[in-house]
Amino acid sequence: MPKLLAKILLLFFLCLGMASCDSNAVFDEYENIGKDGWAHKDTVQFRVQQTDSLNPYNLFINLRANQDYPYRNIFLITSMDFPNGKVIKDTLEYNMAKPSGKLLGHSSGNLTESKLWYKEGVVFPEKGGYKFSVRQATRKNGQVKPDDTLHGVTDVGLRIEKIK
């Protein structure tokens, strides 16, 4: 019986330690893309209620992808809509794979998760609802028009962290 109790306590403290490592996240959500791929016209949206207008935060776009992802990079068009109607748009490019084709990020099974810097030191000046939008604009080398459907991306996430 004492060995069983020791194992239970060890498991409890391991879980507690893992949970406390992520205490700086104030928002962390994902949208599933689906098995048919991420259509160029499909926008992923996240709504965030912000009440802290004093402290700075770091923002990340999280992507989960599998080996069906065909490129070394990804292009994203993002927008951050403020409660007062102001909008900030960005076109972003991130590396997704090594020249060998191996995806960058943390792999688990057949999925790789990439935590991509979006904005650093953001202060939300207005209390209220913010809307974040992400859509893909990835295209074949030498082409102007984005792919109609981007395969391999399974989930898109937004993460907001307190700056320590």
C-alpha atoms as a PDB file:
ATOM      1  CA  MET A   1       0.000   0.000   0.000  1.00  0.00           C
ATOM      2  CA  PRO A   2       2.741   2.578   0.735  1.00  0.00           C
ATOM      3  CA  LYS A   3       4.229   2.030  -2.755  1.00  0.00           C
ATOM      4  CA  LEU A   4       0.858   2.671  -4.371  1.00  0.00           C
ATOM      5  CA  LEU A   5       0.379   5.836  -2.321  1.00  0.00           C
ATOM      6  CA  ALA A   6       3.870   7.022  -3.297  1.00  0.00           C
ATOM      7  CA  LYS A   7       3.113   6.425  -6.992  1.00  0.00           C
ATOM      8  CA  ILE A   8      -0.179   8.318  -6.742  1.00  0.00           C
ATOM      9  CA  LEU A   9       1.510  11.241  -4.993  1.00  0.00           C
ATOM     10  CA  LEU A  10       4.303  11.294  -7.589  1.00  0.00           C
ATOM     11  CA  LEU A  11       1.763  11.335 -10.422  1.00  0.00           C
ATOM     12  CA  PHE A  12      -0.183  14.122  -8.697  1.00  0.00           C
ATOM     13  CA  PHE A  13       2.902  16.326  -8.294  1.00  0.00           C
ATOM     14  CA  LEU A  14       4.018  15.685 -11.877  1.00  0.00           C
ATOM     15  CA  CYS A  15       0.610  16.776 -13.172  1.00  0.00           C
ATOM     16  CA  LEU A  16       0.636  19.806 -10.877  1.00  0.00           C
ATOM     17  CA  GLY A  17       4.102  20.784 -12.094  1.00  0.00           C
ATOM     18  CA  MET A  18       3.102  20.466 -15.738  1.00  0.00           C
ATOM     19  CA  ALA A  19       0.000  22.588 -15.212  1.00  0.00           C
ATOM     20  CA  SER A  20       1.923  25.328 -13.399  1.00  0.00           C
ATOM     21  CA  CYS A  21       4.422  25.643 -16.289  1.00  0.00           C
ATOM     22  CA  ASP A  22       1.660  27.050 -18.466  1.00  0.00           C
ATOM     23  CA  SER A  23       0.351  29.640 -16.023  1.00  0.00           C
ATOM     24  CA  ASN A  24       1.370  32.585 -18.228  1.00  0.00           C
ATOM     25  CA  ALA A  25      -1.229  31.737 -20.924  1.00  0.00           C
ATOM     26  CA  VAL A  26      -4.334  33.923 -20.703  1.00  0.00           C
ATOM     27  CA  PHE A  27      -5.873  32.674 -23.956  1.00  0.00           C
ATOM     28  CA  ASP A  28      -5.142  29.458 -25.871  1.00  0.00           C
ATOM     29  CA  GLU A  29      -7.688  28.149 -28.401  1.00  0.00           C
ATOM     30  CA  TYR A  30      -7.612  26.112 -31.602  1.00  0.00           C
ATOM     31  CA  GLU A  31      -9.920  25.766 -34.579  1.00  0.00           C
ATOM     32  CA  ASN A  32      -9.900  22.471 -36.456  1.00  0.00           C
ATOM     33  CA  ILE A  33      -9.391  22.913 -40.196  1.00  0.00           C
ATOM     34  CA  GLY A  34     -10.870  19.587 -41.232  1.00  0.00           C
ATOM     35  CA  LYS A  35      -9.574  16.788 -43.416  1.00  0.00           C
ATOM     36  CA  ASP A  36     -10.258  18.526 -46.755  1.00  0.00           C
ATOM     37  CA  GLY A  37      -7.588  21.211 -46.232  1.00  0.00           C
ATOM     38  CA  TRP A  38      -7.536  24.926 -45.494  1.00  0.00           C
ATOM     39  CA  ALA A  39      -9.292  26.780 -48.287  1.00  0.00           C
ATOM     40  CA  HIS A  40      -7.838  30.165 -49.205  1.00  0.00           C
ATOM     41  CA  LYS A  41     -11.221  31.820 -48.664  1.00  0.00           C
ATOM     42  CA  ASP A  42     -11.692  30.291 -45.175  1.00  0.00           C
ATOM     43  CA  THR A  43     -10.778  32.580 -42.278  1.00  0.00           C
ATOM     44  CA  VAL A  44     -10.188  31.299 -38.770  1.00  0.00           C
ATOM     45  CA  GLN A  45     -11.435  33.711 -36.097  1.00  0.00           C
ATOM     46  CA  PHE A  46     -10.845  34.059 -32.381  1.00  0.00           C
ATOM     47  CA  ARG A  47     -12.711  36.401 -30.062  1.00  0.00           C
ATOM     48  CA  VAL A  48     -10.937  37.573 -26.927  1.00  0.00           C
ATOM     49  CA  GLN A  49     -12.462  39.572 -24.081  1.00  0.00           C
ATOM     50  CA  GLN A  50      -9.732  41.795 -22.690  1.00  0.00           C
ATOM     51  CA  THR A  51     -10.077  43.611 -19.384  1.00  0.00           C
ATOM     52  CA  ASP A  52      -6.383  44.343 -18.663  1.00  0.00           C
ATOM     53  CA  SER A  53      -5.386  47.531 -20.464  1.00  0.00           C
ATOM     54  CA  LEU A  54      -2.068  48.016 -18.636  1.00  0.00           C
ATOM     55  CA  ASN A  55       0.145  44.932 -19.015  1.00  0.00           C
ATOM     56  CA  PRO A  56       1.947  43.810 -22.189  1.00  0.00           C
ATOM     57  CA  TYR A  57       1.358  40.396 -23.777  1.00  0.00           C
ATOM     58  CA  ASN A  58       3.024  38.217 -26.405  1.00  0.00           C
ATOM     59  CA  LEU A  59       0.799  36.760 -29.114  1.00  0.00           C
ATOM     60  CA  PHE A  60       1.427  33.539 -31.018  1.00  0.00           C
ATOM     61  CA  ILE A  61      -0.200  31.717 -33.887  1.00  0.00           C
ATOM     62  CA  ASN A  62      -0.060  27.975 -33.321  1.00  0.00           C
ATOM     63  CA  LEU A  63      -0.280  25.592 -36.245  1.00  0.00           C
ATOM     64  CA  ARG A  64      -0.639  21.839 -36.182  1.00  0.00           C
ATOM     65  CA  ALA A  65       0.414  20.132 -39.400  1.00  0.00           C
ATOM     66  CA  ASN A  66       1.081  16.639 -40.682  1.00  0.00           C
ATOM     67  CA  GLN A  67       3.424  15.292 -43.353  1.00  0.00           C
ATOM     68  CA  ASP A  68       0.895  16.199 -46.075  1.00  0.00           C
ATOM     69  CA  TYR A  69       2.063  19.820 -45.728  1.00  0.00           C
ATOM     70  CA  PRO A  70       3.748  20.440 -49.112  1.00  0.00           C
ATOM     71  CA  TYR A  71       5.887  23.570 -48.544  1.00  0.00           C
ATOM     72  CA  ARG A  72       8.870  24.815 -46.540  1.00  0.00           C
ATOM     73  CA  ASN A  73       7.063  28.001 -45.535  1.00  0.00           C
ATOM     74  CA  ILE A  74       3.587  29.380 -44.979  1.00  0.00           C
ATOM     75  CA  PHE A  75       2.077  32.797 -45.667  1.00  0.00           C
ATOM     76  CA  LEU A  76      -0.668  34.072 -43.374  1.00  0.00           C
ATOM     77  CA  ILE A  77      -2.815  37.178 -43.531  1.00  0.00           C
ATOM     78  CA  THR A  78      -3.918  38.272 -40.081  1.00  0.00           C
ATOM     79  CA  SER A  79      -6.078  41.006 -38.665  1.00  0.00           C
ATOM     80  CA  MET A  80      -6.586  42.294 -35.161  1.00  0.00           C
ATOM     81  CA  ASP A  81      -9.896  44.144 -34.742  1.00  0.00           C
ATOM     82  CA  PHE A  82     -10.155  46.492 -31.754  1.00  0.00           C
ATOM     83  CA  PRO A  83     -13.396  47.205 -29.860  1.00  0.00           C
ATOM     84  CA  ASN A  84     -13.485  50.752 -31.345  1.00  0.00           C
ATOM     85  CA  GLY A  85     -13.357  49.434 -34.942  1.00  0.00           C
ATOM     86  CA  LYS A  86      -9.640  49.999 -35.600  1.00  0.00           C
ATOM     87  CA  VAL A  87      -8.051  47.118 -37.567  1.00  0.00           C
ATOM     88  CA  ILE A  88      -4.387  46.132 -37.880  1.00  0.00           C
ATOM     89  CA  LYS A  89      -3.604  43.779 -40.782  1.00  0.00           C
ATOM     90  CA  ASP A  90      -0.367  41.898 -41.343  1.00  0.00           C
ATOM     91  CA  THR A  91       1.004  39.563 -43.987  1.00  0.00           C
ATOM     92  CA  LEU A  92       3.330  37.069 -42.312  1.00  0.00           C
ATOM     93  CA  GLU A  93       5.713  34.392 -43.555  1.00  0.00           C
ATOM     94  CA  TYR A  94       7.021  31.546 -41.394  1.00  0.00           C
ATOM     95  CA  ASN A  95       9.366  28.626 -42.023  1.00  0.00           C
ATOM     96  CA  MET A  96       7.505  25.352 -41.598  1.00  0.00           C
ATOM     97  CA  ALA A  97      10.033  22.701 -42.681  1.00  0.00           C
ATOM     98  CA  LYS A  98      13.711  21.973 -43.136  1.00  0.00           C
ATOM     99  CA  PRO A  99      15.084  21.553 -46.686  1.00  0.00           C
ATOM    100  CA  SER A 100      14.672  17.796 -46.148  1.00  0.00           C
ATOM    101  CA  GLY A 101      10.907  18.288 -45.719  1.00  0.00           C
ATOM    102  CA  LYS A 102      10.900  17.497 -41.976  1.00  0.00           C
ATOM    103  CA  LEU A 103       8.454  19.842 -40.275  1.00  0.00           C
ATOM    104  CA  LEU A 104       9.795  22.292 -37.682  1.00  0.00           C
ATOM    105  CA  GLY A 105       8.234  22.348 -34.231  1.00  0.00           C
ATOM    106  CA  HIS A 106       7.273  19.860 -31.557  1.00  0.00           C
ATOM    107  CA  SER A 107       6.227  16.508 -33.007  1.00  0.00           C
ATOM    108  CA  SER A 108       3.883  14.028 -31.398  1.00  0.00           C
ATOM    109  CA  GLY A 109       2.803  11.063 -33.486  1.00  0.00           C
ATOM    110  CA  ASN A 110       2.112  12.242 -37.022  1.00  0.00           C
ATOM    111  CA  LEU A 111       1.393  15.879 -36.008  1.00  0.00           C
ATOM    112  CA  THR A 112       3.876  18.699 -35.569  1.00  0.00           C
ATOM    113  CA  GLU A 113       2.935  21.801 -33.597  1.00  0.00           C
ATOM    114  CA  SER A 114       4.579  25.112 -34.453  1.00  0.00           C
ATOM    115  CA  LYS A 115       4.388  28.079 -32.082  1.00  0.00           C
ATOM    116  CA  LEU A 116       4.885  31.149 -34.287  1.00  0.00           C
ATOM    117  CA  TRP A 117       5.549  34.675 -33.006  1.00  0.00           C
ATOM    118  CA  TYR A 118       2.716  36.959 -34.040  1.00  0.00           C
ATOM    119  CA  LYS A 119       3.085  40.136 -31.960  1.00  0.00           C
ATOM    120  CA  GLU A 120       5.407  41.019 -29.104  1.00  0.00           C
ATOM    121  CA  GLY A 121       4.701  43.311 -26.153  1.00  0.00           C
ATOM    122  CA  VAL A 122       1.088  44.076 -27.106  1.00  0.00           C
ATOM    123  CA  VAL A 123      -0.881  46.250 -24.726  1.00  0.00           C
ATOM    124  CA  PHE A 124      -4.634  46.081 -25.232  1.00  0.00           C
ATOM    125  CA  PRO A 125      -5.500  49.778 -24.800  1.00  0.00           C
ATOM    126  CA  GLU A 126      -9.262  49.306 -24.801  1.00  0.00           C
ATOM    127  CA  LYS A 127     -11.368  47.082 -22.643  1.00  0.00           C
ATOM    128  CA  GLY A 128     -13.797  44.905 -24.537  1.00  0.00           C
ATOM    129  CA  GLY A 129     -13.885  42.346 -27.314  1.00  0.00           C
ATOM    130  CA  TYR A 130     -10.998  41.915 -29.749  1.00  0.00           C
ATOM    131  CA  LYS A 131     -11.284  39.765 -32.860  1.00  0.00           C
ATOM    132  CA  PHE A 132      -8.285  38.003 -34.398  1.00  0.00           C
ATOM    133  CA  SER A 133      -8.534  36.558 -37.906  1.00  0.00           C
ATOM    134  CA  VAL A 134      -6.097  34.272 -39.754  1.00  0.00           C
ATOM    135  CA  ARG A 135      -6.240  33.019 -43.325  1.00  0.00           C
ATOM    136  CA  GLN A 136      -3.646  31.285 -45.433  1.00  0.00           C
ATOM    137  CA  ALA A 137      -2.149  32.860 -48.548  1.00  0.00           C
ATOM    138  CA  THR A 138       0.419  30.194 -49.438  1.00  0.00           C
ATOM    139  CA  ARG A 139       1.232  29.735 -53.099  1.00  0.00           C
ATOM    140  CA  LYS A 140       3.494  27.732 -55.345  1.00  0.00           C
ATOM    141  CA  ASN A 141       6.894  29.255 -56.096  1.00  0.00           C
ATOM    142  CA  GLY A 142       6.640  31.756 -58.946  1.00  0.00           C
ATOM    143  CA  GLN A 143       2.852  32.103 -58.779  1.00  0.00           C
ATOM    144  CA  VAL A 144       0.899  35.106 -57.587  1.00  0.00           C
ATOM    145  CA  LYS A 145      -2.419  33.428 -56.804  1.00  0.00           C
ATOM    146  CA  PRO A 146      -2.572  31.494 -53.497  1.00  0.00           C
ATOM    147  CA  ASP A 147      -3.404  27.782 -53.460  1.00  0.00           C
ATOM    148  CA  ASP A 148      -7.167  27.274 -53.400  1.00  0.00           C
ATOM    149  CA  THR A 149      -6.694  24.607 -50.729  1.00  0.00           C
ATOM    150  CA  LEU A 150      -3.678  24.111 -48.486  1.00  0.00           C
ATOM    151  CA  HIS A 151      -3.287  20.520 -47.312  1.00  0.00           C
ATOM    152  CA  GLY A 152      -1.522  19.306 -44.198  1.00  0.00           C
ATOM    153  CA  VAL A 153      -2.569  22.020 -41.713  1.00  0.00           C
ATOM    154  CA  THR A 154      -5.010  20.414 -39.292  1.00  0.00           C
ATOM    155  CA  ASP A 155      -5.509  23.120 -36.638  1.00  0.00           C
ATOM    156  CA  VAL A 156      -4.929  26.848 -36.257  1.00  0.00           C
ATOM    157  CA  GLY A 157      -4.603  28.390 -32.817  1.00  0.00           C
ATOM    158  CA  LEU A 158      -4.141  31.710 -31.072  1.00  0.00           C
ATOM    159  CA  ARG A 159      -2.212  31.981 -27.830  1.00  0.00           C
ATOM    160  CA  ILE A 160      -1.835  35.079 -25.662  1.00  0.00           C
ATOM    161  CA  GLU A 161       0.756  34.995 -22.887  1.00  0.00           C
ATOM    162  CA  LYS A 162       1.564  37.352 -20.043  1.00  0.00           C
ATOM    163  CA  ILE A 163       5.100  38.666 -20.251  1.00  0.00           C
ATOM    164  CA  LYS A 164       7.017  37.506 -17.211  1.00  0.00           C
END
